[in-house]
Amino acid sequence: MILVTGAKGMLGTDLCAELSAQHQVTGVDLGDFDLAHKEAVEAIADLNPQLVVHCAAMTNVDGCETDPDRAYLVNGLGTRHAALACQKLDIPMLYISTDFVFDGTKREPYYEWDSPNPLGHYGRSKLAGETEVRSLLNKYYIVRTSWLYGPNGKNFVASILIKAGETGQVKVVDDQTGSPTYTRDLCNALSLLIQSNLYGTYHLSNSGSCNWYQFAKTAMEYAGIKAEISPIKSHEYPTPTKRPVYSVLNNFAWNKEFKTPLRHWEEGLKDYIRETIHVQC
């Protein structure tokens, strides 16, 4: 049995559906038990899974910046408890991490072996989770992904399309570059990954890159929404969080080990638009 934490979240929902095609899957979320409490170790152990996929996290980037204690409680200590349960059962763990562990100063795609240097508490707390996994387990997959969106949760694409449709105009920053990643494409890759014993750290995002303005403009074009979209700079849209200017991930280890590169982000976006608003593009 595979245990998926954060099973009601955007990624967790799709991952449970993907894995259920081949495996027995149990999904848990906050209503079942709180990973931030030490009792979660026994709660997971009592379920006796053969693998834990740890999707549960505090992913509100600005929320992590304004409430760092909560960020480290969930993303750091919560991950420690999940890892301790895996240690107790002697089973592997898959931990979902983020491009925000990097500071964005490299200006070329980040390899799995580049040194992390997060700019804010979200990235630092997720990196703390990575540290817990590496220090407690021998059998683990750490998967960093980026700019995630999907049909089962709040995300950038949905927010932009709603705002454009309601107001007829949007402003989006054009000085942050990354790789948008469709949950369905990531889940397909994760399904392949857990069937291997090729443990370690992987970068997994859709191919290609763009800035937020280009991402939003493409989504609006595919959705057939006629609205005014204007590029702005990050300082014109201040937030509590300093974000990496460039956080494109190089899926080097994945591409070399599995020979199945994830498709271009535009292809994933087309499928998302078709599925969520039923527009052919």
C-alpha atoms as a PDB file:
ATOM      1  CA  MET A   1       0.000   0.000   0.000  1.00  0.00           C
ATOM      2  CA  ILE A   2       1.172   3.520  -0.840  1.00  0.00           C
ATOM      3  CA  LEU A   3       0.343   6.306   1.603  1.00  0.00           C
ATOM      4  CA  VAL A   4      -0.085   9.787   0.125  1.00  0.00           C
ATOM      5  CA  THR A   5      -0.083  12.727   2.535  1.00  0.00           C
ATOM      6  CA  GLY A   6      -1.801  15.941   1.530  1.00  0.00           C
ATOM      7  CA  ALA A   7      -4.197  13.778  -0.471  1.00  0.00           C
ATOM      8  CA  LYS A   8      -6.837  16.512  -0.809  1.00  0.00           C
ATOM      9  CA  GLY A   9      -4.421  19.069  -2.212  1.00  0.00           C
ATOM     10  CA  MET A  10      -3.896  19.949  -5.857  1.00  0.00           C
ATOM     11  CA  LEU A  11      -1.027  17.515  -6.411  1.00  0.00           C
ATOM     12  CA  GLY A  12      -2.195  14.909  -3.907  1.00  0.00           C
ATOM     13  CA  THR A  13      -5.612  14.555  -5.559  1.00  0.00           C
ATOM     14  CA  ASP A  14      -4.120  13.893  -8.986  1.00  0.00           C
ATOM     15  CA  LEU A  15      -1.406  11.649  -7.585  1.00  0.00           C
ATOM     16  CA  CYS A  16      -3.884   9.414  -5.748  1.00  0.00           C
ATOM     17  CA  ALA A  17      -5.825   9.007  -8.993  1.00  0.00           C
ATOM     18  CA  GLU A  18      -2.673   8.255 -10.989  1.00  0.00           C
ATOM     19  CA  LEU A  19      -1.256   5.708  -8.551  1.00  0.00           C
ATOM     20  CA  SER A  20      -4.580   3.970  -7.934  1.00  0.00           C
ATOM     21  CA  ALA A  21      -4.459   2.568 -11.461  1.00  0.00           C
ATOM     22  CA  GLN A  22      -1.619   0.244 -10.437  1.00  0.00           C
ATOM     23  CA  HIS A  23      -1.409   0.283  -6.648  1.00  0.00           C
ATOM     24  CA  GLN A  24      -3.480   0.218  -3.501  1.00  0.00           C
ATOM     25  CA  VAL A  25      -3.441   3.822  -2.309  1.00  0.00           C
ATOM     26  CA  THR A  26      -4.473   5.411   0.974  1.00  0.00           C
ATOM     27  CA  GLY A  27      -4.701   9.181   1.105  1.00  0.00           C
ATOM     28  CA  VAL A  28      -4.549  11.181   4.333  1.00  0.00           C
ATOM     29  CA  ASP A  29      -4.951  14.875   5.071  1.00  0.00           C
ATOM     30  CA  LEU A  30      -5.382  17.175   8.056  1.00  0.00           C
ATOM     31  CA  GLY A  31      -8.742  15.627   8.934  1.00  0.00           C
ATOM     32  CA  ASP A  32      -6.989  12.315   9.616  1.00  0.00           C
ATOM     33  CA  PHE A  33      -4.025  13.494  11.702  1.00  0.00           C
ATOM     34  CA  ASP A  34      -1.665  16.443  11.919  1.00  0.00           C
ATOM     35  CA  LEU A  35       1.831  15.671  10.687  1.00  0.00           C
ATOM     36  CA  ALA A  36       3.169  18.588  12.722  1.00  0.00           C
ATOM     37  CA  HIS A  37       2.503  16.593  15.918  1.00  0.00           C
ATOM     38  CA  LYS A  38       4.774  13.744  16.996  1.00  0.00           C
ATOM     39  CA  GLU A  39       1.789  11.392  17.237  1.00  0.00           C
ATOM     40  CA  ALA A  40       1.816  11.351  13.429  1.00  0.00           C
ATOM     41  CA  VAL A  41       4.807   8.985  13.520  1.00  0.00           C
ATOM     42  CA  GLU A  42       2.746   6.210  15.095  1.00  0.00           C
ATOM     43  CA  ALA A  43      -0.343   7.109  13.068  1.00  0.00           C
ATOM     44  CA  ILE A  44       1.589   6.517   9.844  1.00  0.00           C
ATOM     45  CA  ALA A  45       3.290   3.400  11.194  1.00  0.00           C
ATOM     46  CA  ASP A  46      -0.089   1.926  12.195  1.00  0.00           C
ATOM     47  CA  LEU A  47      -1.238   2.170   8.559  1.00  0.00           C
ATOM     48  CA  ASN A  48       1.768   0.007   7.599  1.00  0.00           C
ATOM     49  CA  PRO A  49       2.422   1.395   4.100  1.00  0.00           C
ATOM     50  CA  GLN A  50       5.177   0.129   1.809  1.00  0.00           C
ATOM     51  CA  LEU A  51       5.940   3.684   0.607  1.00  0.00           C
ATOM     52  CA  VAL A  52       5.049   7.192   1.776  1.00  0.00           C
ATOM     53  CA  VAL A  53       4.613   9.965  -0.786  1.00  0.00           C
ATOM     54  CA  HIS A  54       4.789  13.185   1.188  1.00  0.00           C
ATOM     55  CA  CYS A  55       2.852  15.922  -0.634  1.00  0.00           C
ATOM     56  CA  ALA A  56       1.496  17.647   2.478  1.00  0.00           C
ATOM     57  CA  ALA A  57       3.014  21.100   2.892  1.00  0.00           C
ATOM     58  CA  MET A  58       2.387  24.748   3.619  1.00  0.00           C
ATOM     59  CA  THR A  59       2.631  26.046   0.044  1.00  0.00           C
ATOM     60  CA  ASN A  60       1.313  29.570   0.603  1.00  0.00           C
ATOM     61  CA  VAL A  61       4.592  31.341  -0.117  1.00  0.00           C
ATOM     62  CA  ASP A  62       3.580  34.700   1.330  1.00  0.00           C
ATOM     63  CA  GLY A  63       1.926  32.955   4.274  1.00  0.00           C
ATOM     64  CA  CYS A  64       5.227  31.246   5.062  1.00  0.00           C
ATOM     65  CA  GLU A  65       6.942  34.635   5.077  1.00  0.00           C
ATOM     66  CA  THR A  66       4.446  36.200   7.481  1.00  0.00           C
ATOM     67  CA  ASP A  67       4.204  33.108   9.719  1.00  0.00           C
ATOM     68  CA  PRO A  68       7.601  31.375   9.583  1.00  0.00           C
ATOM     69  CA  ASP A  69       6.960  29.304  12.706  1.00  0.00           C
ATOM     70  CA  ARG A  70       3.999  27.645  11.007  1.00  0.00           C
ATOM     71  CA  ALA A  71       6.087  27.099   7.859  1.00  0.00           C
ATOM     72  CA  TYR A  72       8.828  25.269   9.753  1.00  0.00           C
ATOM     73  CA  LEU A  73       6.300  23.366  11.845  1.00  0.00           C
ATOM     74  CA  VAL A  74       4.562  21.991   8.744  1.00  0.00           C
ATOM     75  CA  ASN A  75       7.344  21.787   6.168  1.00  0.00           C
ATOM     76  CA  GLY A  76      10.221  20.999   8.506  1.00  0.00           C
ATOM     77  CA  LEU A  77       8.924  19.171  11.553  1.00  0.00           C
ATOM     78  CA  GLY A  78       6.015  17.585   9.676  1.00  0.00           C
ATOM     79  CA  THR A  79       8.448  16.119   7.171  1.00  0.00           C
ATOM     80  CA  ARG A  80      10.650  14.869  10.016  1.00  0.00           C
ATOM     81  CA  HIS A  81       7.698  12.967  11.466  1.00  0.00           C
ATOM     82  CA  ALA A  82       6.858  11.407   8.100  1.00  0.00           C
ATOM     83  CA  ALA A  83      10.513  10.409   7.663  1.00  0.00           C
ATOM     84  CA  LEU A  84      10.697   8.942  11.170  1.00  0.00           C
ATOM     85  CA  ALA A  85       7.687   6.772  10.374  1.00  0.00           C
ATOM     86  CA  CYS A  86       9.439   5.545   7.226  1.00  0.00           C
ATOM     87  CA  GLN A  87      12.581   4.889   9.266  1.00  0.00           C
ATOM     88  CA  LYS A  88      10.549   2.876  11.793  1.00  0.00           C
ATOM     89  CA  LEU A  89       8.991   0.779   9.008  1.00  0.00           C
ATOM     90  CA  ASP A  90      12.194   0.624   6.927  1.00  0.00           C
ATOM     91  CA  ILE A  91      10.378   1.824   3.802  1.00  0.00           C
ATOM     92  CA  PRO A  92      11.162   4.442   1.146  1.00  0.00           C
ATOM     93  CA  MET A  93       9.780   7.964   1.101  1.00  0.00           C
ATOM     94  CA  LEU A  94       9.133  10.371  -1.746  1.00  0.00           C
ATOM     95  CA  TYR A  95       9.284  14.029  -0.711  1.00  0.00           C
ATOM     96  CA  ILE A  96       7.989  16.841  -2.921  1.00  0.00           C
ATOM     97  CA  SER A  97      10.229  19.908  -2.783  1.00  0.00           C
ATOM     98  CA  THR A  98      10.488  23.137  -4.756  1.00  0.00           C
ATOM     99  CA  ASP A  99      12.510  25.384  -7.058  1.00  0.00           C
ATOM    100  CA  PHE A 100      12.380  27.968  -4.244  1.00  0.00           C
ATOM    101  CA  VAL A 101      15.359  26.249  -2.581  1.00  0.00           C
ATOM    102  CA  PHE A 102      17.468  28.223  -5.112  1.00  0.00           C
ATOM    103  CA  ASP A 103      18.143  31.967  -5.085  1.00  0.00           C
ATOM    104  CA  GLY A 104      17.767  32.507  -8.852  1.00  0.00           C
ATOM    105  CA  THR A 105      21.143  34.162  -9.402  1.00  0.00           C
ATOM    106  CA  LYS A 106      22.561  31.410 -11.630  1.00  0.00           C
ATOM    107  CA  ARG A 107      20.574  32.453 -14.741  1.00  0.00           C
ATOM    108  CA  GLU A 108      20.800  28.994 -16.297  1.00  0.00           C
ATOM    109  CA  PRO A 109      18.880  25.834 -15.395  1.00  0.00           C
ATOM    110  CA  TYR A 110      19.709  24.422 -11.972  1.00  0.00           C
ATOM    111  CA  TYR A 111      21.201  20.947 -11.698  1.00  0.00           C
ATOM    112  CA  GLU A 112      20.252  18.649  -8.838  1.00  0.00           C
ATOM    113  CA  TRP A 113      23.733  19.173  -7.392  1.00  0.00           C
ATOM    114  CA  ASP A 114      23.735  22.972  -7.382  1.00  0.00           C
ATOM    115  CA  SER A 115      23.913  24.450  -3.898  1.00  0.00           C
ATOM    116  CA  PRO A 116      20.569  25.631  -2.520  1.00  0.00           C
ATOM    117  CA  ASN A 117      20.301  29.163  -1.166  1.00  0.00           C
ATOM    118  CA  PRO A 118      16.630  29.962  -0.523  1.00  0.00           C
ATOM    119  CA  LEU A 119      15.577  33.599  -0.317  1.00  0.00           C
ATOM    120  CA  GLY A 120      12.607  33.207   2.035  1.00  0.00           C
ATOM    121  CA  HIS A 121      10.961  31.045   4.648  1.00  0.00           C
ATOM    122  CA  TYR A 122       9.011  28.916   2.169  1.00  0.00           C
ATOM    123  CA  GLY A 123      12.185  27.794   0.423  1.00  0.00           C
ATOM    124  CA  ARG A 124      14.073  27.465   3.696  1.00  0.00           C
ATOM    125  CA  SER A 125      11.351  25.375   5.312  1.00  0.00           C
ATOM    126  CA  LYS A 126      11.114  23.073   2.295  1.00  0.00           C
ATOM    127  CA  LEU A 127      14.902  22.735   2.305  1.00  0.00           C
ATOM    128  CA  ALA A 128      14.649  21.865   6.003  1.00  0.00           C
ATOM    129  CA  GLY A 129      12.338  19.034   4.946  1.00  0.00           C
ATOM    130  CA  GLU A 130      14.931  17.822   2.445  1.00  0.00           C
ATOM    131  CA  THR A 131      17.550  17.817   5.207  1.00  0.00           C
ATOM    132  CA  GLU A 132      15.325  15.731   7.480  1.00  0.00           C
ATOM    133  CA  VAL A 133      14.710  13.163   4.735  1.00  0.00           C
ATOM    134  CA  ARG A 134      18.400  12.849   3.846  1.00  0.00           C
ATOM    135  CA  SER A 135      19.541  12.609   7.457  1.00  0.00           C
ATOM    136  CA  LEU A 136      16.957  10.041   8.573  1.00  0.00           C
ATOM    137  CA  LEU A 137      16.593   7.746   5.555  1.00  0.00           C
ATOM    138  CA  ASN A 138      18.733   5.754   3.166  1.00  0.00           C
ATOM    139  CA  LYS A 139      15.944   5.028   0.700  1.00  0.00           C
ATOM    140  CA  TYR A 140      14.304   8.219  -0.521  1.00  0.00           C
ATOM    141  CA  TYR A 141      13.336  10.239  -3.557  1.00  0.00           C
ATOM    142  CA  ILE A 142      13.452  14.021  -3.246  1.00  0.00           C
ATOM    143  CA  VAL A 143      11.657  15.657  -6.166  1.00  0.00           C
ATOM    144  CA  ARG A 144      11.916  19.391  -6.764  1.00  0.00           C
ATOM    145  CA  THR A 145       9.298  20.824  -9.067  1.00  0.00           C
ATOM    146  CA  SER A 146       8.206  24.321 -10.099  1.00  0.00           C
ATOM    147  CA  TRP A 147       5.251  26.572 -10.912  1.00  0.00           C
ATOM    148  CA  LEU A 148       2.762  23.768 -10.350  1.00  0.00           C
ATOM    149  CA  TYR A 149      -0.820  24.030 -11.572  1.00  0.00           C
ATOM    150  CA  GLY A 150      -3.639  21.529 -12.036  1.00  0.00           C
ATOM    151  CA  PRO A 151      -7.410  21.043 -12.114  1.00  0.00           C
ATOM    152  CA  ASN A 152      -7.877  20.246  -8.434  1.00  0.00           C
ATOM    153  CA  GLY A 153      -6.728  23.318  -6.590  1.00  0.00           C
ATOM    154  CA  LYS A 154      -6.107  27.053  -6.564  1.00  0.00           C
ATOM    155  CA  ASN A 155      -3.363  27.967  -9.033  1.00  0.00           C
ATOM    156  CA  PHE A 156      -1.948  30.808 -11.106  1.00  0.00           C
ATOM    157  CA  VAL A 157      -3.613  29.849 -14.387  1.00  0.00           C
ATOM    158  CA  ALA A 158      -7.094  29.599 -12.910  1.00  0.00           C
ATOM    159  CA  SER A 159      -6.681  32.884 -11.034  1.00  0.00           C
ATOM    160  CA  ILE A 160      -5.489  34.752 -14.138  1.00  0.00           C
ATOM    161  CA  LEU A 161      -8.277  33.403 -16.350  1.00  0.00           C
ATOM    162  CA  ILE A 162     -10.930  34.313 -13.796  1.00  0.00           C
ATOM    163  CA  LYS A 163      -9.560  37.825 -13.309  1.00  0.00           C
ATOM    164  CA  ALA A 164      -9.165  38.416 -17.045  1.00  0.00           C
ATOM    165  CA  GLY A 165     -12.700  37.241 -17.682  1.00  0.00           C
ATOM    166  CA  GLU A 166     -14.185  39.367 -14.907  1.00  0.00           C
ATOM    167  CA  THR A 167     -12.226  42.609 -15.304  1.00  0.00           C
ATOM    168  CA  GLY A 168     -10.986  42.542 -18.892  1.00  0.00           C
ATOM    169  CA  GLN A 169      -7.464  43.449 -17.859  1.00  0.00           C
ATOM    170  CA  VAL A 170      -4.595  41.959 -15.880  1.00  0.00           C
ATOM    171  CA  LYS A 171      -1.069  42.948 -14.968  1.00  0.00           C
ATOM    172  CA  VAL A 172       1.560  40.228 -14.594  1.00  0.00           C
ATOM    173  CA  VAL A 173       5.261  40.385 -13.730  1.00  0.00           C
ATOM    174  CA  ASP A 174       7.699  39.651 -16.538  1.00  0.00           C
ATOM    175  CA  ASP A 175      10.995  39.529 -14.623  1.00  0.00           C
ATOM    176  CA  GLN A 176      10.662  36.094 -12.973  1.00  0.00           C
ATOM    177  CA  THR A 177      11.411  33.051 -15.118  1.00  0.00           C
ATOM    178  CA  GLY A 178      10.632  29.394 -14.454  1.00  0.00           C
ATOM    179  CA  SER A 179       9.076  26.234 -15.868  1.00  0.00           C
ATOM    180  CA  PRO A 180       5.303  25.823 -15.473  1.00  0.00           C
ATOM    181  CA  THR A 181       4.498  22.224 -14.535  1.00  0.00           C
ATOM    182  CA  TYR A 182       1.170  20.457 -15.059  1.00  0.00           C
ATOM    183  CA  THR A 183       0.235  18.156 -12.183  1.00  0.00           C
ATOM    184  CA  ARG A 184      -0.813  15.345 -14.523  1.00  0.00           C
ATOM    185  CA  ASP A 185       2.613  15.301 -16.193  1.00  0.00           C
ATOM    186  CA  LEU A 186       4.392  15.345 -12.846  1.00  0.00           C
ATOM    187  CA  CYS A 187       2.195  12.531 -11.487  1.00  0.00           C
ATOM    188  CA  ASN A 188       2.943  10.357 -14.505  1.00  0.00           C
ATOM    189  CA  ALA A 189       6.669  10.807 -13.899  1.00  0.00           C
ATOM    190  CA  LEU A 190       6.334  10.130 -10.168  1.00  0.00           C
ATOM    191  CA  SER A 191       4.505   6.891 -10.930  1.00  0.00           C
ATOM    192  CA  LEU A 192       7.483   5.734 -12.974  1.00  0.00           C
ATOM    193  CA  LEU A 193       9.992   6.941 -10.398  1.00  0.00           C
ATOM    194  CA  ILE A 194       8.562   4.978  -7.463  1.00  0.00           C
ATOM    195  CA  GLN A 195       8.676   1.764  -9.486  1.00  0.00           C
ATOM    196  CA  SER A 196      12.467   2.060  -9.609  1.00  0.00           C
ATOM    197  CA  ASN A 197      15.036   1.736  -6.883  1.00  0.00           C
ATOM    198  CA  LEU A 198      16.917   4.728  -8.287  1.00  0.00           C
ATOM    199  CA  TYR A 199      16.821   6.745  -5.094  1.00  0.00           C
ATOM    200  CA  GLY A 200      18.128  10.282  -4.813  1.00  0.00           C
ATOM    201  CA  THR A 201      17.302  13.869  -5.728  1.00  0.00           C
ATOM    202  CA  TYR A 202      15.506  14.721  -8.957  1.00  0.00           C
ATOM    203  CA  HIS A 203      14.312  17.847 -10.702  1.00  0.00           C
ATOM    204  CA  LEU A 204      10.972  17.309 -12.434  1.00  0.00           C
ATOM    205  CA  SER A 205       9.263  20.106 -14.320  1.00  0.00           C
ATOM    206  CA  ASN A 206       7.816  20.460 -17.784  1.00  0.00           C
ATOM    207  CA  SER A 207      10.349  21.307 -20.490  1.00  0.00           C
ATOM    208  CA  GLY A 208      11.003  24.852 -21.633  1.00  0.00           C
ATOM    209  CA  SER A 209      10.688  28.066 -19.649  1.00  0.00           C
ATOM    210  CA  CYS A 210       8.907  31.408 -19.653  1.00  0.00           C
ATOM    211  CA  ASN A 211       8.173  34.349 -17.406  1.00  0.00           C
ATOM    212  CA  TRP A 212       4.864  34.829 -15.596  1.00  0.00           C
ATOM    213  CA  TYR A 213       3.646  37.342 -18.185  1.00  0.00           C
ATOM    214  CA  GLN A 214       4.321  34.927 -21.059  1.00  0.00           C
ATOM    215  CA  PHE A 215       2.647  32.116 -19.122  1.00  0.00           C
ATOM    216  CA  ALA A 216      -0.464  34.197 -18.462  1.00  0.00           C
ATOM    217  CA  LYS A 217      -0.646  35.524 -22.023  1.00  0.00           C
ATOM    218  CA  THR A 218      -0.390  32.010 -23.476  1.00  0.00           C
ATOM    219  CA  ALA A 219      -3.077  30.706 -21.110  1.00  0.00           C
ATOM    220  CA  MET A 220      -5.438  33.507 -22.135  1.00  0.00           C
ATOM    221  CA  GLU A 221      -4.792  32.821 -25.824  1.00  0.00           C
ATOM    222  CA  TYR A 222      -5.495  29.109 -25.415  1.00  0.00           C
ATOM    223  CA  ALA A 223      -8.641  29.840 -23.403  1.00  0.00           C
ATOM    224  CA  GLY A 224      -9.898  32.295 -26.016  1.00  0.00           C
ATOM    225  CA  ILE A 225     -10.166  35.132 -23.494  1.00  0.00           C
ATOM    226  CA  LYS A 226      -9.914  38.595 -25.011  1.00  0.00           C
ATOM    227  CA  ALA A 227      -8.515  40.851 -22.323  1.00  0.00           C
ATOM    228  CA  GLU A 228      -5.783  43.431 -21.939  1.00  0.00           C
ATOM    229  CA  ILE A 229      -2.646  42.000 -20.364  1.00  0.00           C
ATOM    230  CA  SER A 230       0.256  44.242 -19.357  1.00  0.00           C
ATOM    231  CA  PRO A 231       3.763  43.287 -18.199  1.00  0.00           C
ATOM    232  CA  ILE A 232       5.018  44.857 -14.993  1.00  0.00           C
ATOM    233  CA  LYS A 233       8.115  44.520 -12.814  1.00  0.00           C
ATOM    234  CA  SER A 234       8.177  42.749  -9.481  1.00  0.00           C
ATOM    235  CA  HIS A 235       8.646  45.984  -7.553  1.00  0.00           C
ATOM    236  CA  GLU A 236       5.331  47.184  -8.997  1.00  0.00           C
ATOM    237  CA  TYR A 237       3.584  44.210  -7.382  1.00  0.00           C
ATOM    238  CA  PRO A 238       5.112  44.058  -3.897  1.00  0.00           C
ATOM    239  CA  THR A 239       4.632  40.921  -1.810  1.00  0.00           C
ATOM    240  CA  PRO A 240       6.068  39.794   1.554  1.00  0.00           C
ATOM    241  CA  THR A 241       8.295  37.280  -0.260  1.00  0.00           C
ATOM    242  CA  LYS A 242      11.455  37.875  -2.266  1.00  0.00           C
ATOM    243  CA  ARG A 243      11.162  35.423  -5.161  1.00  0.00           C
ATOM    244  CA  PRO A 244      13.968  33.969  -7.291  1.00  0.00           C
ATOM    245  CA  VAL A 245      14.379  35.860 -10.567  1.00  0.00           C
ATOM    246  CA  TYR A 246      15.335  32.648 -12.397  1.00  0.00           C
ATOM    247  CA  SER A 247      14.388  29.210 -11.058  1.00  0.00           C
ATOM    248  CA  VAL A 248      14.352  26.968 -14.139  1.00  0.00           C
ATOM    249  CA  LEU A 249      15.193  23.389 -13.196  1.00  0.00           C
ATOM    250  CA  ASN A 250      17.416  21.115 -15.271  1.00  0.00           C
ATOM    251  CA  ASN A 251      15.826  17.643 -15.196  1.00  0.00           C
ATOM    252  CA  PHE A 252      19.275  16.158 -15.678  1.00  0.00           C
ATOM    253  CA  ALA A 253      19.099  13.069 -13.454  1.00  0.00           C
ATOM    254  CA  TRP A 254      15.577  12.187 -14.623  1.00  0.00           C
ATOM    255  CA  ASN A 255      16.423  12.520 -18.324  1.00  0.00           C
ATOM    256  CA  LYS A 256      19.587  10.434 -17.994  1.00  0.00           C
ATOM    257  CA  GLU A 257      18.093   7.687 -15.818  1.00  0.00           C
ATOM    258  CA  PHE A 258      14.642   7.333 -17.378  1.00  0.00           C
ATOM    259  CA  LYS A 259      15.095   8.621 -20.967  1.00  0.00           C
ATOM    260  CA  THR A 260      11.571  10.100 -20.910  1.00  0.00           C
ATOM    261  CA  PRO A 261      11.763  13.913 -20.840  1.00  0.00           C
ATOM    262  CA  LEU A 262       8.643  15.684 -19.676  1.00  0.00           C
ATOM    263  CA  ARG A 263       6.851  17.435 -22.535  1.00  0.00           C
ATOM    264  CA  HIS A 264       6.976  21.180 -23.178  1.00  0.00           C
ATOM    265  CA  TRP A 265       5.003  23.315 -20.744  1.00  0.00           C
ATOM    266  CA  GLU A 266       2.796  24.667 -23.542  1.00  0.00           C
ATOM    267  CA  GLU A 267       1.515  21.160 -24.325  1.00  0.00           C
ATOM    268  CA  GLY A 268       0.629  20.587 -20.683  1.00  0.00           C
ATOM    269  CA  LEU A 269      -1.137  23.944 -20.570  1.00  0.00           C
ATOM    270  CA  LYS A 270      -3.225  23.050 -23.622  1.00  0.00           C
ATOM    271  CA  ASP A 271      -4.454  19.882 -21.915  1.00  0.00           C
ATOM    272  CA  TYR A 272      -5.239  21.802 -18.731  1.00  0.00           C
ATOM    273  CA  ILE A 273      -7.296  24.368 -20.666  1.00  0.00           C
ATOM    274  CA  ARG A 274      -9.168  21.617 -22.560  1.00  0.00           C
ATOM    275  CA  GLU A 275      -9.973  19.793 -19.333  1.00  0.00           C
ATOM    276  CA  THR A 276     -10.933  22.714 -17.106  1.00  0.00           C
ATOM    277  CA  ILE A 277     -12.833  25.027 -19.459  1.00  0.00           C
ATOM    278  CA  HIS A 278     -13.446  22.624 -22.345  1.00  0.00           C
ATOM    279  CA  VAL A 279     -11.870  24.802 -25.036  1.00  0.00           C
ATOM    280  CA  GLN A 280      -9.991  23.231 -27.946  1.00  0.00           C
ATOM    281  CA  CYS A 281      -6.613  24.853 -28.508  1.00  0.00           C
END
